Amino acid sequence: EFLNPMHYESILFRSLKEEENMKDHSLLIDYLRLIEYMVKNEIYHQEVQLVGILYILNVVFPLHQQWPYEDEFQMITICKFCIAIFVKVLQKSEIDKSHKSYEIFTMCRDAFLFDEVLMSSYLSVFYKDKFYIQNLMEQESNWINGPVLEQIEN
């Protein structure tokens, strides 16, 4: 029922789909912030959480690195929210199988165990060529207090 494609016909998902081709991804960042808040505070409304995490697993996380960005830090923010959501969902050591969060937990667990595209996207976040940080530093004009320092620290 919650995996029904009709959820993707909502105004929200149509707007998120349009935003994929834009250079500003503010709506997606706000949406990810909402999903993270719900997961962190254990607020389980499956029509929001389950569909949202399904969208993150199938669309956002695998594709966000390919989208155009006016501000590169939006890509980092999107990635950071996705990983934070995954960690919060998967860090549960014991979940009652009858609890609403169990379906979300198993969906994330299985995606990370069996979905090659998702795992490739996850690994690409951490694997950078050996000159990646040097290139970031060379692009920075305010080397001591610039935004690249914030990116490296995160």
C-alpha atoms as a PDB file:
ATOM      1  CA  GLU A   1       0.000   0.000   0.000  1.00  0.00           C
ATOM      2  CA  PHE A   2       2.734   2.505   0.968  1.00  0.00           C
ATOM      3  CA  LEU A   3       4.920   1.469  -1.947  1.00  0.00           C
ATOM      4  CA  ASN A   4       2.157   2.460  -4.307  1.00  0.00           C
ATOM      5  CA  PRO A   5       3.524   4.543  -7.209  1.00  0.00           C
ATOM      6  CA  MET A   6       0.611   6.947  -6.676  1.00  0.00           C
ATOM      7  CA  HIS A   7       2.616   8.486  -3.828  1.00  0.00           C
ATOM      8  CA  TYR A   8       5.076   9.659  -6.462  1.00  0.00           C
ATOM      9  CA  GLU A   9       2.256  11.515  -8.226  1.00  0.00           C
ATOM     10  CA  SER A  10       1.865  13.945  -5.332  1.00  0.00           C
ATOM     11  CA  ILE A  11       2.706  17.618  -5.741  1.00  0.00           C
ATOM     12  CA  LEU A  12       5.702  17.149  -3.437  1.00  0.00           C
ATOM     13  CA  PHE A  13       7.265  14.373  -5.498  1.00  0.00           C
ATOM     14  CA  ARG A  14       6.516  16.127  -8.779  1.00  0.00           C
ATOM     15  CA  SER A  15       8.256  19.218  -7.397  1.00  0.00           C
ATOM     16  CA  LEU A  16      11.213  17.143  -6.194  1.00  0.00           C
ATOM     17  CA  LYS A  17      11.433  15.526  -9.633  1.00  0.00           C
ATOM     18  CA  GLU A  18      11.504  18.945 -11.325  1.00  0.00           C
ATOM     19  CA  GLU A  19      14.141  20.131  -8.876  1.00  0.00           C
ATOM     20  CA  GLU A  20      16.513  17.324  -9.931  1.00  0.00           C
ATOM     21  CA  ASN A  21      17.256  19.264 -13.134  1.00  0.00           C
ATOM     22  CA  MET A  22      17.578  22.629 -11.418  1.00  0.00           C
ATOM     23  CA  LYS A  23      20.699  24.054  -9.822  1.00  0.00           C
ATOM     24  CA  ASP A  24      19.023  24.762  -6.467  1.00  0.00           C
ATOM     25  CA  HIS A  25      17.912  21.807  -4.342  1.00  0.00           C
ATOM     26  CA  SER A  26      16.455  23.636  -1.330  1.00  0.00           C
ATOM     27  CA  LEU A  27      13.155  21.736  -1.356  1.00  0.00           C
ATOM     28  CA  LEU A  28      14.950  18.381  -1.256  1.00  0.00           C
ATOM     29  CA  ILE A  29      17.168  19.544   1.606  1.00  0.00           C
ATOM     30  CA  ASP A  30      14.097  20.618   3.591  1.00  0.00           C
ATOM     31  CA  TYR A  31      12.422  17.281   2.814  1.00  0.00           C
ATOM     32  CA  LEU A  32      15.502  15.353   3.961  1.00  0.00           C
ATOM     33  CA  ARG A  33      15.596  17.465   7.124  1.00  0.00           C
ATOM     34  CA  LEU A  34      11.967  16.439   7.824  1.00  0.00           C
ATOM     35  CA  ILE A  35      12.659  12.737   7.253  1.00  0.00           C
ATOM     36  CA  GLU A  36      15.771  12.874   9.439  1.00  0.00           C
ATOM     37  CA  TYR A  37      13.819  14.607  12.218  1.00  0.00           C
ATOM     38  CA  MET A  38      11.113  11.945  12.082  1.00  0.00           C
ATOM     39  CA  VAL A  39      13.606   9.075  12.156  1.00  0.00           C
ATOM     40  CA  LYS A  40      15.703  10.650  14.919  1.00  0.00           C
ATOM     41  CA  ASN A  41      12.677  11.333  17.121  1.00  0.00           C
ATOM     42  CA  GLU A  42      11.009   8.005  16.302  1.00  0.00           C
ATOM     43  CA  ILE A  43       7.919   9.589  14.797  1.00  0.00           C
ATOM     44  CA  TYR A  44       6.562   6.821  12.582  1.00  0.00           C
ATOM     45  CA  HIS A  45       4.061   7.849   9.960  1.00  0.00           C
ATOM     46  CA  GLN A  46       4.728   5.256   7.298  1.00  0.00           C
ATOM     47  CA  GLU A  47       3.070   7.247   4.546  1.00  0.00           C
ATOM     48  CA  VAL A  48       5.788   9.848   5.152  1.00  0.00           C
ATOM     49  CA  GLN A  49       8.764   7.860   6.410  1.00  0.00           C
ATOM     50  CA  LEU A  50       8.493   4.708   4.339  1.00  0.00           C
ATOM     51  CA  VAL A  51       7.798   6.507   1.073  1.00  0.00           C
ATOM     52  CA  GLY A  52      10.451   9.126   1.884  1.00  0.00           C
ATOM     53  CA  ILE A  53      13.162   6.592   2.646  1.00  0.00           C
ATOM     54  CA  LEU A  54      12.186   4.579  -0.408  1.00  0.00           C
ATOM     55  CA  TYR A  55      12.605   7.752  -2.489  1.00  0.00           C
ATOM     56  CA  ILE A  56      15.981   8.432  -0.852  1.00  0.00           C
ATOM     57  CA  LEU A  57      17.180   4.865  -1.494  1.00  0.00           C
ATOM     58  CA  ASN A  58      15.995   4.689  -5.108  1.00  0.00           C
ATOM     59  CA  VAL A  59      16.414   8.237  -6.403  1.00  0.00           C
ATOM     60  CA  VAL A  60      18.207  10.723  -4.186  1.00  0.00           C
ATOM     61  CA  PHE A  61      21.226   8.827  -2.924  1.00  0.00           C
ATOM     62  CA  PRO A  62      22.118   6.988  -6.151  1.00  0.00           C
ATOM     63  CA  LEU A  63      21.640  10.062  -8.387  1.00  0.00           C
ATOM     64  CA  HIS A  64      22.372  13.207  -6.356  1.00  0.00           C
ATOM     65  CA  GLN A  65      26.041  13.344  -7.414  1.00  0.00           C
ATOM     66  CA  GLN A  66      24.968  13.643 -11.065  1.00  0.00           C
ATOM     67  CA  TRP A  67      22.596  16.591 -10.610  1.00  0.00           C
ATOM     68  CA  PRO A  68      23.595  20.168 -11.485  1.00  0.00           C
ATOM     69  CA  TYR A  69      24.451  22.417  -8.538  1.00  0.00           C
ATOM     70  CA  GLU A  70      24.954  26.137  -8.300  1.00  0.00           C
ATOM     71  CA  ASP A  71      26.276  25.636  -4.765  1.00  0.00           C
ATOM     72  CA  GLU A  72      28.409  22.486  -4.421  1.00  0.00           C
ATOM     73  CA  PHE A  73      27.753  22.436  -0.689  1.00  0.00           C
ATOM     74  CA  GLN A  74      24.132  21.507  -1.390  1.00  0.00           C
ATOM     75  CA  MET A  75      25.389  18.193  -2.769  1.00  0.00           C
ATOM     76  CA  ILE A  76      27.373  17.633   0.421  1.00  0.00           C
ATOM     77  CA  THR A  77      24.362  18.572   2.550  1.00  0.00           C
ATOM     78  CA  ILE A  78      22.136  16.138   0.641  1.00  0.00           C
ATOM     79  CA  CYS A  79      24.691  13.362   1.024  1.00  0.00           C
ATOM     80  CA  LYS A  80      25.147  14.131   4.716  1.00  0.00           C
ATOM     81  CA  PHE A  81      21.386  13.985   5.382  1.00  0.00           C
ATOM     82  CA  CYS A  82      21.025  10.708   3.442  1.00  0.00           C
ATOM     83  CA  ILE A  83      23.824   9.032   5.375  1.00  0.00           C
ATOM     84  CA  ALA A  84      22.511  10.395   8.696  1.00  0.00           C
ATOM     85  CA  ILE A  85      19.081   8.934   7.911  1.00  0.00           C
ATOM     86  CA  PHE A  86      20.559   5.560   6.948  1.00  0.00           C
ATOM     87  CA  VAL A  87      22.671   5.447  10.116  1.00  0.00           C
ATOM     88  CA  LYS A  88      19.724   6.334  12.357  1.00  0.00           C
ATOM     89  CA  VAL A  89      17.530   3.673  10.758  1.00  0.00           C
ATOM     90  CA  LEU A  90      20.185   0.942  10.774  1.00  0.00           C
ATOM     91  CA  GLN A  91      21.693   1.544  14.219  1.00  0.00           C
ATOM     92  CA  LYS A  92      18.773  -0.052  16.016  1.00  0.00           C
ATOM     93  CA  SER A  93      20.151  -3.165  17.701  1.00  0.00           C
ATOM     94  CA  GLU A  94      16.777  -4.697  18.508  1.00  0.00           C
ATOM     95  CA  ILE A  95      13.564  -3.960  16.682  1.00  0.00           C
ATOM     96  CA  ASP A  96      10.265  -5.569  17.468  1.00  0.00           C
ATOM     97  CA  LYS A  97       9.030  -7.145  14.235  1.00  0.00           C
ATOM     98  CA  SER A  98       5.552  -5.838  14.923  1.00  0.00           C
ATOM     99  CA  HIS A  99       6.769  -2.233  15.316  1.00  0.00           C
ATOM    100  CA  LYS A 100       6.109   0.155  12.438  1.00  0.00           C
ATOM    101  CA  SER A 101       9.816   0.880  12.030  1.00  0.00           C
ATOM    102  CA  TYR A 102      10.691  -2.761  11.279  1.00  0.00           C
ATOM    103  CA  GLU A 103       9.658  -2.507   7.617  1.00  0.00           C
ATOM    104  CA  ILE A 104      11.830   0.608   7.194  1.00  0.00           C
ATOM    105  CA  PHE A 105      14.766  -1.101   8.933  1.00  0.00           C
ATOM    106  CA  THR A 106      14.581  -4.216   6.733  1.00  0.00           C
ATOM    107  CA  MET A 107      14.173  -2.118   3.584  1.00  0.00           C
ATOM    108  CA  CYS A 108      17.355  -0.133   4.363  1.00  0.00           C
ATOM    109  CA  ARG A 109      19.284  -3.198   5.500  1.00  0.00           C
ATOM    110  CA  ASP A 110      18.388  -5.166   2.385  1.00  0.00           C
ATOM    111  CA  ALA A 111      19.173  -2.215   0.126  1.00  0.00           C
ATOM    112  CA  PHE A 112      22.674  -1.936   1.572  1.00  0.00           C
ATOM    113  CA  LEU A 113      23.210  -5.691   1.405  1.00  0.00           C
ATOM    114  CA  PHE A 114      21.846  -6.400  -2.066  1.00  0.00           C
ATOM    115  CA  ASP A 115      21.572  -3.212  -4.146  1.00  0.00           C
ATOM    116  CA  GLU A 116      24.777  -2.750  -6.144  1.00  0.00           C
ATOM    117  CA  VAL A 117      23.833   0.734  -7.376  1.00  0.00           C
ATOM    118  CA  LEU A 118      23.233   1.951  -3.834  1.00  0.00           C
ATOM    119  CA  MET A 119      26.504   0.444  -2.590  1.00  0.00           C
ATOM    120  CA  SER A 120      28.423   1.987  -5.494  1.00  0.00           C
ATOM    121  CA  SER A 121      26.921   5.378  -4.640  1.00  0.00           C
ATOM    122  CA  TYR A 122      27.829   4.908  -0.990  1.00  0.00           C
ATOM    123  CA  LEU A 123      31.413   3.946  -1.782  1.00  0.00           C
ATOM    124  CA  SER A 124      31.824   6.834  -4.222  1.00  0.00           C
ATOM    125  CA  VAL A 125      31.145   9.245  -1.353  1.00  0.00           C
ATOM    126  CA  PHE A 126      34.251   8.021   0.459  1.00  0.00           C
ATOM    127  CA  TYR A 127      36.506   7.081  -2.419  1.00  0.00           C
ATOM    128  CA  LYS A 128      38.190  10.071  -3.977  1.00  0.00           C
ATOM    129  CA  ASP A 129      41.338  10.243  -6.021  1.00  0.00           C
ATOM    130  CA  LYS A 130      44.545  10.981  -4.137  1.00  0.00           C
ATOM    131  CA  PHE A 131      44.571  14.641  -5.233  1.00  0.00           C
ATOM    132  CA  TYR A 132      40.975  15.408  -4.200  1.00  0.00           C
ATOM    133  CA  ILE A 133      41.744  17.447  -1.054  1.00  0.00           C
ATOM    134  CA  GLN A 134      44.664  19.190  -2.741  1.00  0.00           C
ATOM    135  CA  ASN A 135      42.380  20.244  -5.620  1.00  0.00           C
ATOM    136  CA  LEU A 136      39.781  21.540  -3.161  1.00  0.00           C
ATOM    137  CA  MET A 137      42.426  23.576  -1.390  1.00  0.00           C
ATOM    138  CA  GLU A 138      43.754  25.018  -4.636  1.00  0.00           C
ATOM    139  CA  GLN A 139      40.243  26.195  -5.567  1.00  0.00           C
ATOM    140  CA  GLU A 140      39.846  28.016  -2.268  1.00  0.00           C
ATOM    141  CA  SER A 141      40.531  31.730  -2.217  1.00  0.00           C
ATOM    142  CA  ASN A 142      40.193  32.180   1.557  1.00  0.00           C
ATOM    143  CA  TRP A 143      42.334  29.226   2.535  1.00  0.00           C
ATOM    144  CA  ILE A 144      42.268  29.624   6.311  1.00  0.00           C
ATOM    145  CA  ASN A 145      38.571  30.404   6.882  1.00  0.00           C
ATOM    146  CA  GLY A 146      36.950  29.386   3.597  1.00  0.00           C
ATOM    147  CA  PRO A 147      34.068  26.956   3.020  1.00  0.00           C
ATOM    148  CA  VAL A 148      36.410  24.144   1.934  1.00  0.00           C
ATOM    149  CA  LEU A 149      37.704  23.920   5.497  1.00  0.00           C
ATOM    150  CA  GLU A 150      34.118  23.274   6.614  1.00  0.00           C
ATOM    151  CA  GLN A 151      33.745  20.579   3.929  1.00  0.00           C
ATOM    152  CA  ILE A 152      36.977  18.845   4.973  1.00  0.00           C
ATOM    153  CA  GLU A 153      35.953  18.904   8.645  1.00  0.00           C
ATOM    154  CA  ASN A 154      32.595  17.327   7.822  1.00  0.00           C
END
